[in-house]
């Protein structure tokens, strides 16, 4: 007789993240305008319990708002001369597992889903077509151009009739196996075709390749910036890209079943070949890295400069202090 018992659900994890960015300038900066995406998303599966953003020197202007994609953002200005800028974001956030009991084959087949997002005047029959917001994540974007090589690479994971989530998982597994994670092997502006050719990069590159392959098949895919724990809450192997800013992907697969019901977007971390759980903190979503850069801006003066980034992420509700202590890291784009 088959047991009706189900494995216990993974409890939510309360995490504390400290993200520090320091700019040091060769000569004084007389004027600076900056934009930050540093406050994590706040929704049913991720609750921000406390968030503090410290800026030194103190800005003359600061405005917190929500961008067009639902991300929290901060704009600030500095009008007094300065040779150093220090921005520290400290957040306490409760993260729940969203994809337990995932049934990848339960979702829609990829071809009709992709076809449903292509407008056809004949199919519309003169009526106004229904707008699907996910279609905004199908076209190319500045960091993810249309490349025939991306379609060639992605297509073997999507035979006819395969469910979107099944194909996306297979593509993630292949990408993780075929590409090497090598810190500092690329720059922010390294072209995606070069990443494809050299088969190595950092988490930003892994995410862009996966997004590009999915989009070349007509499937919506978006970029996720965030953080993750070095050691997952479930005790799995250490994660690549931890202790730093991290990046992964969401693919649109509406109606795909999980234990709690159905989902629209499925998160995939190709750098670590995992479906994110309680150890991944989502900060912002966008078309690519350019939409969700943690901190960027324009300055007058400054000359040459150096930037350092350190991130510490720890569990604060289940690990003893020694195990959960934050560790400094360098930025992983």
C-alpha atoms as a PDB file:
ATOM      1  CA  UNK A   1       0.000   0.000   0.000  1.00  0.00           C
ATOM      2  CA  UNK A   2       1.442   3.393  -1.000  1.00  0.00           C
ATOM      3  CA  UNK A   3       2.002   5.781   1.861  1.00  0.00           C
ATOM      4  CA  UNK A   4       0.042   9.044   1.739  1.00  0.00           C
ATOM      5  CA  UNK A   5       2.695  10.848   3.769  1.00  0.00           C
ATOM      6  CA  UNK A   6       4.443  13.730   2.016  1.00  0.00           C
ATOM      7  CA  UNK A   7       7.933  15.017   2.792  1.00  0.00           C
ATOM      8  CA  UNK A   8       7.752  17.939   5.216  1.00  0.00           C
ATOM      9  CA  UNK A   9       7.710  21.359   3.593  1.00  0.00           C
ATOM     10  CA  UNK A  10      10.888  23.396   3.816  1.00  0.00           C
ATOM     11  CA  UNK A  11      10.359  26.075   6.479  1.00  0.00           C
ATOM     12  CA  UNK A  12      11.005  29.724   5.584  1.00  0.00           C
ATOM     13  CA  UNK A  13      14.482  31.052   6.304  1.00  0.00           C
ATOM     14  CA  UNK A  14      15.149  34.461   7.821  1.00  0.00           C
ATOM     15  CA  UNK A  15      18.300  35.922   6.312  1.00  0.00           C
ATOM     16  CA  UNK A  16      20.365  39.008   6.948  1.00  0.00           C
ATOM     17  CA  UNK A  17      22.222  40.583   4.026  1.00  0.00           C
ATOM     18  CA  UNK A  18      24.837  43.320   4.248  1.00  0.00           C
ATOM     19  CA  UNK A  19      25.960  44.816   0.921  1.00  0.00           C
ATOM     20  CA  UNK A  20      28.717  47.438   1.041  1.00  0.00           C
ATOM     21  CA  UNK A  21      29.993  49.372  -1.987  1.00  0.00           C
ATOM     22  CA  UNK A  22      32.916  51.792  -1.701  1.00  0.00           C
ATOM     23  CA  UNK A  23      34.197  54.144  -4.413  1.00  0.00           C
ATOM     24  CA  UNK A  24      37.562  55.865  -3.887  1.00  0.00           C
ATOM     25  CA  UNK A  25      38.461  58.691  -6.266  1.00  0.00           C
ATOM     26  CA  UNK A  26      41.842  60.070  -7.283  1.00  0.00           C
ATOM     27  CA  UNK A  27      40.558  63.650  -7.122  1.00  0.00           C
ATOM     28  CA  UNK A  28      37.429  65.229  -5.615  1.00  0.00           C
ATOM     29  CA  UNK A  29      34.047  64.566  -7.191  1.00  0.00           C
ATOM     30  CA  UNK A  30      32.137  67.838  -7.299  1.00  0.00           C
ATOM     31  CA  UNK A  31      28.737  66.467  -8.374  1.00  0.00           C
ATOM     32  CA  UNK A  32      27.267  62.952  -8.479  1.00  0.00           C
ATOM     33  CA  UNK A  33      23.915  61.429  -9.435  1.00  0.00           C
ATOM     34  CA  UNK A  34      23.325  57.770  -8.503  1.00  0.00           C
ATOM     35  CA  UNK A  35      20.680  55.082  -8.810  1.00  0.00           C
ATOM     36  CA  UNK A  36      20.545  52.000  -6.556  1.00  0.00           C
ATOM     37  CA  UNK A  37      18.650  48.721  -6.667  1.00  0.00           C
ATOM     38  CA  UNK A  38      19.498  47.358  -3.222  1.00  0.00           C
ATOM     39  CA  UNK A  39      16.187  46.733  -1.427  1.00  0.00           C
ATOM     40  CA  UNK A  40      14.933  43.147  -1.991  1.00  0.00           C
ATOM     41  CA  UNK A  41      11.522  42.488  -3.484  1.00  0.00           C
ATOM     42  CA  UNK A  42       8.648  42.252  -1.024  1.00  0.00           C
ATOM     43  CA  UNK A  43       5.872  39.790  -1.911  1.00  0.00           C
ATOM     44  CA  UNK A  44       3.997  36.721  -0.667  1.00  0.00           C
ATOM     45  CA  UNK A  45       7.100  34.497  -0.846  1.00  0.00           C
ATOM     46  CA  UNK A  46       9.674  37.024   0.365  1.00  0.00           C
ATOM     47  CA  UNK A  47       8.971  39.425   3.202  1.00  0.00           C
ATOM     48  CA  UNK A  48      11.331  42.309   3.942  1.00  0.00           C
ATOM     49  CA  UNK A  49      11.264  42.746   7.719  1.00  0.00           C
ATOM     50  CA  UNK A  50      13.836  45.542   7.912  1.00  0.00           C
ATOM     51  CA  UNK A  51      15.904  47.491   5.403  1.00  0.00           C
ATOM     52  CA  UNK A  52      18.407  50.290   5.955  1.00  0.00           C
ATOM     53  CA  UNK A  53      20.394  52.166   3.317  1.00  0.00           C
ATOM     54  CA  UNK A  54      23.328  54.210   4.612  1.00  0.00           C
ATOM     55  CA  UNK A  55      25.037  56.701   2.276  1.00  0.00           C
ATOM     56  CA  UNK A  56      28.238  58.505   3.271  1.00  0.00           C
ATOM     57  CA  UNK A  57      28.653  61.390   2.630  1.00  0.00           C
ATOM     58  CA  UNK A  58      25.003  62.183   3.196  1.00  0.00           C
ATOM     59  CA  UNK A  59      23.206  63.012  -0.058  1.00  0.00           C
ATOM     60  CA  UNK A  60      21.674  66.418  -0.687  1.00  0.00           C
ATOM     61  CA  UNK A  61      18.739  64.701  -2.388  1.00  0.00           C
ATOM     62  CA  UNK A  62      17.259  61.220  -2.019  1.00  0.00           C
ATOM     63  CA  UNK A  63      14.093  59.688  -3.407  1.00  0.00           C
ATOM     64  CA  UNK A  64      12.809  56.122  -2.968  1.00  0.00           C
ATOM     65  CA  UNK A  65      10.367  54.812  -5.555  1.00  0.00           C
ATOM     66  CA  UNK A  66       9.184  51.761  -7.504  1.00  0.00           C
ATOM     67  CA  UNK A  67      10.277  51.325 -11.114  1.00  0.00           C
ATOM     68  CA  UNK A  68       8.168  50.085 -14.044  1.00  0.00           C
ATOM     69  CA  UNK A  69       8.976  46.450 -13.262  1.00  0.00           C
ATOM     70  CA  UNK A  70       8.014  46.640  -9.600  1.00  0.00           C
ATOM     71  CA  UNK A  71      11.538  46.954  -8.203  1.00  0.00           C
ATOM     72  CA  UNK A  72      12.407  49.265  -5.326  1.00  0.00           C
ATOM     73  CA  UNK A  73      14.923  51.894  -6.380  1.00  0.00           C
ATOM     74  CA  UNK A  74      16.696  54.849  -4.789  1.00  0.00           C
ATOM     75  CA  UNK A  75      17.942  57.964  -6.568  1.00  0.00           C
ATOM     76  CA  UNK A  76      20.334  60.271  -4.721  1.00  0.00           C
ATOM     77  CA  UNK A  77      22.559  63.262  -5.435  1.00  0.00           C
ATOM     78  CA  UNK A  78      25.794  64.482  -3.866  1.00  0.00           C
ATOM     79  CA  UNK A  79      26.618  68.166  -4.366  1.00  0.00           C
ATOM     80  CA  UNK A  80      29.526  68.561  -1.931  1.00  0.00           C
ATOM     81  CA  UNK A  81      33.072  67.594  -3.022  1.00  0.00           C
ATOM     82  CA  UNK A  82      34.070  64.085  -1.902  1.00  0.00           C
ATOM     83  CA  UNK A  83      36.861  61.584  -2.578  1.00  0.00           C
ATOM     84  CA  UNK A  84      35.067  58.536  -1.227  1.00  0.00           C
ATOM     85  CA  UNK A  85      31.506  57.226  -1.433  1.00  0.00           C
ATOM     86  CA  UNK A  86      30.318  54.428   0.836  1.00  0.00           C
ATOM     87  CA  UNK A  87      26.862  52.850   0.363  1.00  0.00           C
ATOM     88  CA  UNK A  88      25.766  50.127   2.787  1.00  0.00           C
ATOM     89  CA  UNK A  89      22.470  48.253   2.514  1.00  0.00           C
ATOM     90  CA  UNK A  90      21.445  46.033   5.436  1.00  0.00           C
ATOM     91  CA  UNK A  91      18.341  43.895   5.098  1.00  0.00           C
ATOM     92  CA  UNK A  92      16.507  41.301   7.143  1.00  0.00           C
ATOM     93  CA  UNK A  93      14.231  39.214   4.930  1.00  0.00           C
ATOM     94  CA  UNK A  94      12.155  36.047   5.323  1.00  0.00           C
ATOM     95  CA  UNK A  95      12.317  33.774   2.273  1.00  0.00           C
ATOM     96  CA  UNK A  96       9.922  30.907   1.524  1.00  0.00           C
ATOM     97  CA  UNK A  97      10.419  28.006  -0.858  1.00  0.00           C
ATOM     98  CA  UNK A  98       8.196  28.555  -3.904  1.00  0.00           C
ATOM     99  CA  UNK A  99       8.908  25.557  -6.126  1.00  0.00           C
ATOM    100  CA  UNK A 100       8.566  22.505  -3.883  1.00  0.00           C
ATOM    101  CA  UNK A 101       6.786  19.666  -5.626  1.00  0.00           C
ATOM    102  CA  UNK A 102       7.619  21.122  -9.049  1.00  0.00           C
ATOM    103  CA  UNK A 103       6.106  19.100 -11.909  1.00  0.00           C
ATOM    104  CA  UNK A 104       7.914  20.418 -14.994  1.00  0.00           C
ATOM    105  CA  UNK A 105       5.878  18.348 -17.448  1.00  0.00           C
ATOM    106  CA  UNK A 106       2.580  19.799 -16.192  1.00  0.00           C
ATOM    107  CA  UNK A 107       3.011  23.153 -17.898  1.00  0.00           C
ATOM    108  CA  UNK A 108       2.326  24.255 -21.460  1.00  0.00           C
ATOM    109  CA  UNK A 109       4.258  22.971 -24.476  1.00  0.00           C
ATOM    110  CA  UNK A 110       6.786  25.495 -25.678  1.00  0.00           C
ATOM    111  CA  UNK A 111       5.719  25.900 -29.320  1.00  0.00           C
ATOM    112  CA  UNK A 112       2.085  26.979 -28.734  1.00  0.00           C
ATOM    113  CA  UNK A 113       3.159  29.185 -25.837  1.00  0.00           C
ATOM    114  CA  UNK A 114       5.708  30.982 -28.004  1.00  0.00           C
ATOM    115  CA  UNK A 115       3.212  31.229 -30.871  1.00  0.00           C
ATOM    116  CA  UNK A 116       0.586  32.774 -28.589  1.00  0.00           C
ATOM    117  CA  UNK A 117       2.883  35.742 -28.000  1.00  0.00           C
ATOM    118  CA  UNK A 118       3.357  36.548 -31.681  1.00  0.00           C
ATOM    119  CA  UNK A 119       0.784  39.015 -32.958  1.00  0.00           C
ATOM    120  CA  UNK A 120      -1.046  38.087 -36.133  1.00  0.00           C
ATOM    121  CA  UNK A 121      -3.593  40.474 -37.645  1.00  0.00           C
ATOM    122  CA  UNK A 122      -5.345  37.543 -39.349  1.00  0.00           C
ATOM    123  CA  UNK A 123      -5.611  35.576 -36.108  1.00  0.00           C
ATOM    124  CA  UNK A 124      -6.894  38.617 -34.256  1.00  0.00           C
ATOM    125  CA  UNK A 125      -9.748  38.900 -36.768  1.00  0.00           C
ATOM    126  CA  UNK A 126      -9.925  42.635 -36.390  1.00  0.00           C
ATOM    127  CA  UNK A 127     -10.390  42.458 -32.621  1.00  0.00           C
ATOM    128  CA  UNK A 128      -7.932  44.092 -30.250  1.00  0.00           C
ATOM    129  CA  UNK A 129      -5.504  41.350 -29.158  1.00  0.00           C
ATOM    130  CA  UNK A 130      -5.121  40.620 -25.451  1.00  0.00           C
ATOM    131  CA  UNK A 131      -1.893  42.058 -24.127  1.00  0.00           C
ATOM    132  CA  UNK A 132       0.288  39.629 -22.187  1.00  0.00           C
ATOM    133  CA  UNK A 133       2.874  41.492 -20.043  1.00  0.00           C
ATOM    134  CA  UNK A 134       5.319  38.580 -20.306  1.00  0.00           C
ATOM    135  CA  UNK A 135       5.854  39.418 -23.982  1.00  0.00           C
ATOM    136  CA  UNK A 136       8.051  42.319 -22.877  1.00  0.00           C
ATOM    137  CA  UNK A 137      10.729  39.756 -21.997  1.00  0.00           C
ATOM    138  CA  UNK A 138      10.908  38.119 -25.432  1.00  0.00           C
ATOM    139  CA  UNK A 139      12.656  40.808 -27.550  1.00  0.00           C
ATOM    140  CA  UNK A 140      16.433  41.306 -27.373  1.00  0.00           C
ATOM    141  CA  UNK A 141      17.874  43.764 -24.866  1.00  0.00           C
ATOM    142  CA  UNK A 142      21.174  45.674 -24.627  1.00  0.00           C
ATOM    143  CA  UNK A 143      23.103  42.870 -22.905  1.00  0.00           C
ATOM    144  CA  UNK A 144      21.208  40.003 -24.597  1.00  0.00           C
ATOM    145  CA  UNK A 145      21.192  40.542 -28.383  1.00  0.00           C
ATOM    146  CA  UNK A 146      19.674  38.208 -30.952  1.00  0.00           C
ATOM    147  CA  UNK A 147      22.321  35.638 -31.868  1.00  0.00           C
ATOM    148  CA  UNK A 148      21.682  32.665 -34.138  1.00  0.00           C
ATOM    149  CA  UNK A 149      24.205  30.709 -32.056  1.00  0.00           C
ATOM    150  CA  UNK A 150      21.953  31.061 -29.014  1.00  0.00           C
ATOM    151  CA  UNK A 151      19.037  29.409 -30.832  1.00  0.00           C
ATOM    152  CA  UNK A 152      21.317  26.663 -32.124  1.00  0.00           C
ATOM    153  CA  UNK A 153      22.546  26.001 -28.598  1.00  0.00           C
ATOM    154  CA  UNK A 154      19.082  26.046 -26.984  1.00  0.00           C
ATOM    155  CA  UNK A 155      17.059  24.056 -29.517  1.00  0.00           C
ATOM    156  CA  UNK A 156      18.240  20.514 -28.552  1.00  0.00           C
ATOM    157  CA  UNK A 157      16.587  21.037 -25.142  1.00  0.00           C
ATOM    158  CA  UNK A 158      13.225  21.766 -26.770  1.00  0.00           C
ATOM    159  CA  UNK A 159      12.039  18.899 -28.970  1.00  0.00           C
ATOM    160  CA  UNK A 160       8.474  19.216 -30.326  1.00  0.00           C
ATOM    161  CA  UNK A 161       5.798  19.094 -27.652  1.00  0.00           C
ATOM    162  CA  UNK A 162       8.109  19.457 -24.670  1.00  0.00           C
ATOM    163  CA  UNK A 163       6.833  21.504 -21.742  1.00  0.00           C
ATOM    164  CA  UNK A 164       8.511  24.878 -21.247  1.00  0.00           C
ATOM    165  CA  UNK A 165       9.739  24.090 -17.736  1.00  0.00           C
ATOM    166  CA  UNK A 166      11.154  20.723 -18.817  1.00  0.00           C
ATOM    167  CA  UNK A 167      13.059  22.281 -21.670  1.00  0.00           C
ATOM    168  CA  UNK A 168      14.322  25.182 -19.572  1.00  0.00           C
ATOM    169  CA  UNK A 169      15.591  22.827 -16.867  1.00  0.00           C
ATOM    170  CA  UNK A 170      17.385  20.713 -19.455  1.00  0.00           C
ATOM    171  CA  UNK A 171      18.955  23.815 -21.005  1.00  0.00           C
ATOM    172  CA  UNK A 172      20.110  24.954 -17.555  1.00  0.00           C
ATOM    173  CA  UNK A 173      21.707  21.541 -16.884  1.00  0.00           C
ATOM    174  CA  UNK A 174      23.540  21.619 -20.224  1.00  0.00           C
ATOM    175  CA  UNK A 175      24.743  25.190 -19.770  1.00  0.00           C
ATOM    176  CA  UNK A 176      26.085  24.397 -16.316  1.00  0.00           C
ATOM    177  CA  UNK A 177      27.958  21.381 -17.702  1.00  0.00           C
ATOM    178  CA  UNK A 178      29.311  23.136 -20.803  1.00  0.00           C
ATOM    179  CA  UNK A 179      30.422  26.454 -19.306  1.00  0.00           C
ATOM    180  CA  UNK A 180      33.048  27.054 -16.616  1.00  0.00           C
ATOM    181  CA  UNK A 181      32.517  29.540 -13.793  1.00  0.00           C
ATOM    182  CA  UNK A 182      35.752  31.546 -13.694  1.00  0.00           C
ATOM    183  CA  UNK A 183      35.869  34.642 -11.509  1.00  0.00           C
ATOM    184  CA  UNK A 184      36.979  37.818 -13.342  1.00  0.00           C
ATOM    185  CA  UNK A 185      37.049  35.979 -16.690  1.00  0.00           C
ATOM    186  CA  UNK A 186      34.741  38.599 -18.205  1.00  0.00           C
ATOM    187  CA  UNK A 187      33.892  42.267 -17.745  1.00  0.00           C
ATOM    188  CA  UNK A 188      30.461  43.865 -17.494  1.00  0.00           C
ATOM    189  CA  UNK A 189      30.622  44.801 -21.174  1.00  0.00           C
ATOM    190  CA  UNK A 190      32.029  41.508 -22.527  1.00  0.00           C
ATOM    191  CA  UNK A 191      29.870  40.690 -25.599  1.00  0.00           C
ATOM    192  CA  UNK A 192      27.617  37.667 -25.264  1.00  0.00           C
ATOM    193  CA  UNK A 193      28.968  36.082 -28.445  1.00  0.00           C
ATOM    194  CA  UNK A 194      32.433  36.127 -26.853  1.00  0.00           C
ATOM    195  CA  UNK A 195      31.062  34.388 -23.745  1.00  0.00           C
ATOM    196  CA  UNK A 196      29.514  31.739 -26.012  1.00  0.00           C
ATOM    197  CA  UNK A 197      32.798  31.224 -27.818  1.00  0.00           C
ATOM    198  CA  UNK A 198      35.014  30.970 -24.732  1.00  0.00           C
ATOM    199  CA  UNK A 199      32.493  28.908 -22.708  1.00  0.00           C
ATOM    200  CA  UNK A 200      33.362  30.554 -19.415  1.00  0.00           C
ATOM    201  CA  UNK A 201      32.182  33.505 -17.388  1.00  0.00           C
ATOM    202  CA  UNK A 202      30.551  34.639 -14.154  1.00  0.00           C
ATOM    203  CA  UNK A 203      26.955  34.419 -12.953  1.00  0.00           C
ATOM    204  CA  UNK A 204      25.880  37.431 -15.042  1.00  0.00           C
ATOM    205  CA  UNK A 205      27.107  35.628 -18.172  1.00  0.00           C
ATOM    206  CA  UNK A 206      25.433  32.333 -17.258  1.00  0.00           C
ATOM    207  CA  UNK A 207      22.157  34.207 -16.787  1.00  0.00           C
ATOM    208  CA  UNK A 208      22.462  36.128 -20.060  1.00  0.00           C
ATOM    209  CA  UNK A 209      23.217  32.973 -22.070  1.00  0.00           C
ATOM    210  CA  UNK A 210      20.206  31.149 -20.614  1.00  0.00           C
ATOM    211  CA  UNK A 211      17.954  34.162 -21.189  1.00  0.00           C
ATOM    212  CA  UNK A 212      19.213  34.571 -24.746  1.00  0.00           C
ATOM    213  CA  UNK A 213      18.621  30.926 -25.632  1.00  0.00           C
ATOM    214  CA  UNK A 214      15.058  31.012 -24.316  1.00  0.00           C
ATOM    215  CA  UNK A 215      14.227  34.296 -26.056  1.00  0.00           C
ATOM    216  CA  UNK A 216      15.550  33.021 -29.397  1.00  0.00           C
ATOM    217  CA  UNK A 217      12.844  30.344 -29.172  1.00  0.00           C
ATOM    218  CA  UNK A 218      10.199  33.003 -28.485  1.00  0.00           C
ATOM    219  CA  UNK A 219       9.948  32.285 -24.749  1.00  0.00           C
ATOM    220  CA  UNK A 220       9.836  35.093 -22.147  1.00  0.00           C
ATOM    221  CA  UNK A 221      12.839  35.106 -19.827  1.00  0.00           C
ATOM    222  CA  UNK A 222      13.985  37.744 -17.377  1.00  0.00           C
ATOM    223  CA  UNK A 223      17.079  38.540 -15.344  1.00  0.00           C
ATOM    224  CA  UNK A 224      17.051  38.348 -11.535  1.00  0.00           C
ATOM    225  CA  UNK A 225      19.601  40.102  -9.345  1.00  0.00           C
ATOM    226  CA  UNK A 226      20.003  39.057  -5.739  1.00  0.00           C
ATOM    227  CA  UNK A 227      22.022  37.232  -3.134  1.00  0.00           C
ATOM    228  CA  UNK A 228      22.476  33.657  -2.008  1.00  0.00           C
ATOM    229  CA  UNK A 229      23.997  31.752   0.865  1.00  0.00           C
ATOM    230  CA  UNK A 230      27.349  30.035   0.528  1.00  0.00           C
ATOM    231  CA  UNK A 231      25.867  27.004   2.277  1.00  0.00           C
ATOM    232  CA  UNK A 232      22.190  26.375   1.392  1.00  0.00           C
ATOM    233  CA  UNK A 233      19.749  25.959   4.319  1.00  0.00           C
ATOM    234  CA  UNK A 234      19.201  22.309   3.328  1.00  0.00           C
ATOM    235  CA  UNK A 235      22.885  21.492   3.798  1.00  0.00           C
ATOM    236  CA  UNK A 236      23.693  20.984   0.099  1.00  0.00           C
ATOM    237  CA  UNK A 237      27.074  21.680  -1.530  1.00  0.00           C
ATOM    238  CA  UNK A 238      28.596  25.168  -1.397  1.00  0.00           C
ATOM    239  CA  UNK A 239      27.206  27.575  -3.999  1.00  0.00           C
ATOM    240  CA  UNK A 240      29.202  29.397  -6.675  1.00  0.00           C
ATOM    241  CA  UNK A 241      28.769  33.154  -6.729  1.00  0.00           C
ATOM    242  CA  UNK A 242      27.844  33.325  -3.048  1.00  0.00           C
ATOM    243  CA  UNK A 243      29.063  36.063  -0.708  1.00  0.00           C
ATOM    244  CA  UNK A 244      28.590  38.489  -3.594  1.00  0.00           C
ATOM    245  CA  UNK A 245      25.909  39.948  -5.800  1.00  0.00           C
ATOM    246  CA  UNK A 246      24.392  37.049  -7.722  1.00  0.00           C
ATOM    247  CA  UNK A 247      22.245  36.644 -10.830  1.00  0.00           C
ATOM    248  CA  UNK A 248      19.852  34.038 -12.151  1.00  0.00           C
ATOM    249  CA  UNK A 249      16.877  33.683 -14.498  1.00  0.00           C
ATOM    250  CA  UNK A 250      13.095  33.398 -14.555  1.00  0.00           C
ATOM    251  CA  UNK A 251      11.290  31.655 -17.424  1.00  0.00           C
ATOM    252  CA  UNK A 252       7.567  32.126 -18.081  1.00  0.00           C
ATOM    253  CA  UNK A 253       5.708  28.817 -17.850  1.00  0.00           C
ATOM    254  CA  UNK A 254       2.137  29.656 -16.687  1.00  0.00           C
ATOM    255  CA  UNK A 255       0.124  26.825 -15.193  1.00  0.00           C
ATOM    256  CA  UNK A 256       3.118  24.697 -14.215  1.00  0.00           C
ATOM    257  CA  UNK A 257       2.260  22.785 -11.037  1.00  0.00           C
ATOM    258  CA  UNK A 258       4.014  22.926  -7.681  1.00  0.00           C
ATOM    259  CA  UNK A 259       2.903  21.572  -4.312  1.00  0.00           C
ATOM    260  CA  UNK A 260       1.156  24.833  -3.397  1.00  0.00           C
ATOM    261  CA  UNK A 261      -0.710  25.227  -6.700  1.00  0.00           C
ATOM    262  CA  UNK A 262       0.592  26.666  -9.971  1.00  0.00           C
ATOM    263  CA  UNK A 263       3.227  29.198 -10.944  1.00  0.00           C
ATOM    264  CA  UNK A 264       3.778  31.646 -13.792  1.00  0.00           C
ATOM    265  CA  UNK A 265       7.525  32.232 -13.505  1.00  0.00           C
ATOM    266  CA  UNK A 266      10.083  29.557 -12.644  1.00  0.00           C
ATOM    267  CA  UNK A 267      13.459  30.613 -11.208  1.00  0.00           C
ATOM    268  CA  UNK A 268      16.588  28.849 -12.518  1.00  0.00           C
ATOM    269  CA  UNK A 269      20.157  29.371 -11.297  1.00  0.00           C
ATOM    270  CA  UNK A 270      22.435  28.117 -14.108  1.00  0.00           C
ATOM    271  CA  UNK A 271      25.625  29.003 -12.239  1.00  0.00           C
ATOM    272  CA  UNK A 272      24.769  26.388  -9.600  1.00  0.00           C
ATOM    273  CA  UNK A 273      22.365  24.217 -11.659  1.00  0.00           C
ATOM    274  CA  UNK A 274      19.561  24.546  -9.102  1.00  0.00           C
ATOM    275  CA  UNK A 275      15.997  25.738  -8.784  1.00  0.00           C
ATOM    276  CA  UNK A 276      16.301  28.493  -6.135  1.00  0.00           C
ATOM    277  CA  UNK A 277      14.773  27.922  -2.725  1.00  0.00           C
ATOM    278  CA  UNK A 278      15.166  29.634   0.653  1.00  0.00           C
ATOM    279  CA  UNK A 279      18.833  30.475   0.105  1.00  0.00           C
ATOM    280  CA  UNK A 280      18.206  32.894  -2.781  1.00  0.00           C
ATOM    281  CA  UNK A 281      17.129  36.481  -2.040  1.00  0.00           C
ATOM    282  CA  UNK A 282      15.543  38.305  -4.997  1.00  0.00           C
ATOM    283  CA  UNK A 283      16.415  41.999  -5.246  1.00  0.00           C
ATOM    284  CA  UNK A 284      15.176  43.071  -8.678  1.00  0.00           C
ATOM    285  CA  UNK A 285      14.009  41.738 -12.042  1.00  0.00           C
ATOM    286  CA  UNK A 286      14.662  43.149 -15.495  1.00  0.00           C
ATOM    287  CA  UNK A 287      15.487  42.403 -19.103  1.00  0.00           C
ATOM    288  CA  UNK A 288      19.188  42.043 -18.297  1.00  0.00           C
ATOM    289  CA  UNK A 289      21.904  43.308 -15.956  1.00  0.00           C
ATOM    290  CA  UNK A 290      21.546  46.881 -17.185  1.00  0.00           C
ATOM    291  CA  UNK A 291      18.023  47.206 -15.776  1.00  0.00           C
ATOM    292  CA  UNK A 292      18.953  46.128 -12.243  1.00  0.00           C
ATOM    293  CA  UNK A 293      22.534  47.266 -11.640  1.00  0.00           C
ATOM    294  CA  UNK A 294      22.974  47.449  -7.845  1.00  0.00           C
ATOM    295  CA  UNK A 295      24.598  50.907  -7.947  1.00  0.00           C
ATOM    296  CA  UNK A 296      25.449  53.156 -10.859  1.00  0.00           C
ATOM    297  CA  UNK A 297      25.647  56.839 -11.660  1.00  0.00           C
ATOM    298  CA  UNK A 298      27.345  59.765 -13.344  1.00  0.00           C
ATOM    299  CA  UNK A 299      29.917  62.027 -11.728  1.00  0.00           C
ATOM    300  CA  UNK A 300      31.788  65.259 -12.402  1.00  0.00           C
ATOM    301  CA  UNK A 301      35.468  65.007 -11.590  1.00  0.00           C
ATOM    302  CA  UNK A 302      37.046  62.178  -9.654  1.00  0.00           C
ATOM    303  CA  UNK A 303      39.689  61.119 -12.158  1.00  0.00           C
ATOM    304  CA  UNK A 304      40.706  57.489 -11.779  1.00  0.00           C
ATOM    305  CA  UNK A 305      38.790  55.504  -9.198  1.00  0.00           C
ATOM    306  CA  UNK A 306      38.665  52.157  -7.449  1.00  0.00           C
ATOM    307  CA  UNK A 307      35.533  50.254  -6.449  1.00  0.00           C
ATOM    308  CA  UNK A 308      35.226  47.499  -3.858  1.00  0.00           C
ATOM    309  CA  UNK A 309      32.123  45.495  -3.077  1.00  0.00           C
ATOM    310  CA  UNK A 310      31.556  43.182  -0.135  1.00  0.00           C
ATOM    311  CA  UNK A 311      28.460  41.106   0.588  1.00  0.00           C
ATOM    312  CA  UNK A 312      27.688  39.018   3.645  1.00  0.00           C
ATOM    313  CA  UNK A 313      24.600  36.790   3.829  1.00  0.00           C
ATOM    314  CA  UNK A 314      23.695  34.731   6.871  1.00  0.00           C
ATOM    315  CA  UNK A 315      20.805  32.763   8.334  1.00  0.00           C
ATOM    316  CA  UNK A 316      19.767  34.330  11.616  1.00  0.00           C
ATOM    317  CA  UNK A 317      17.006  31.999  12.809  1.00  0.00           C
ATOM    318  CA  UNK A 318      18.470  28.500  12.614  1.00  0.00           C
ATOM    319  CA  UNK A 319      22.295  28.594  12.508  1.00  0.00           C
ATOM    320  CA  UNK A 320      24.531  29.276  15.526  1.00  0.00           C
ATOM    321  CA  UNK A 321      26.410  32.594  15.300  1.00  0.00           C
ATOM    322  CA  UNK A 322      29.732  31.040  14.251  1.00  0.00           C
ATOM    323  CA  UNK A 323      28.173  29.189  11.305  1.00  0.00           C
ATOM    324  CA  UNK A 324      25.955  32.065  10.244  1.00  0.00           C
ATOM    325  CA  UNK A 325      28.560  34.827  10.399  1.00  0.00           C
ATOM    326  CA  UNK A 326      28.745  36.955   7.244  1.00  0.00           C
ATOM    327  CA  UNK A 327      31.771  36.735   4.992  1.00  0.00           C
ATOM    328  CA  UNK A 328      33.135  39.459   2.729  1.00  0.00           C
ATOM    329  CA  UNK A 329      33.228  38.826  -1.006  1.00  0.00           C
ATOM    330  CA  UNK A 330      33.957  40.528  -4.285  1.00  0.00           C
ATOM    331  CA  UNK A 331      31.303  41.461  -6.780  1.00  0.00           C
ATOM    332  CA  UNK A 332      30.161  38.642  -9.079  1.00  0.00           C
ATOM    333  CA  UNK A 333      28.393  40.306 -11.948  1.00  0.00           C
END
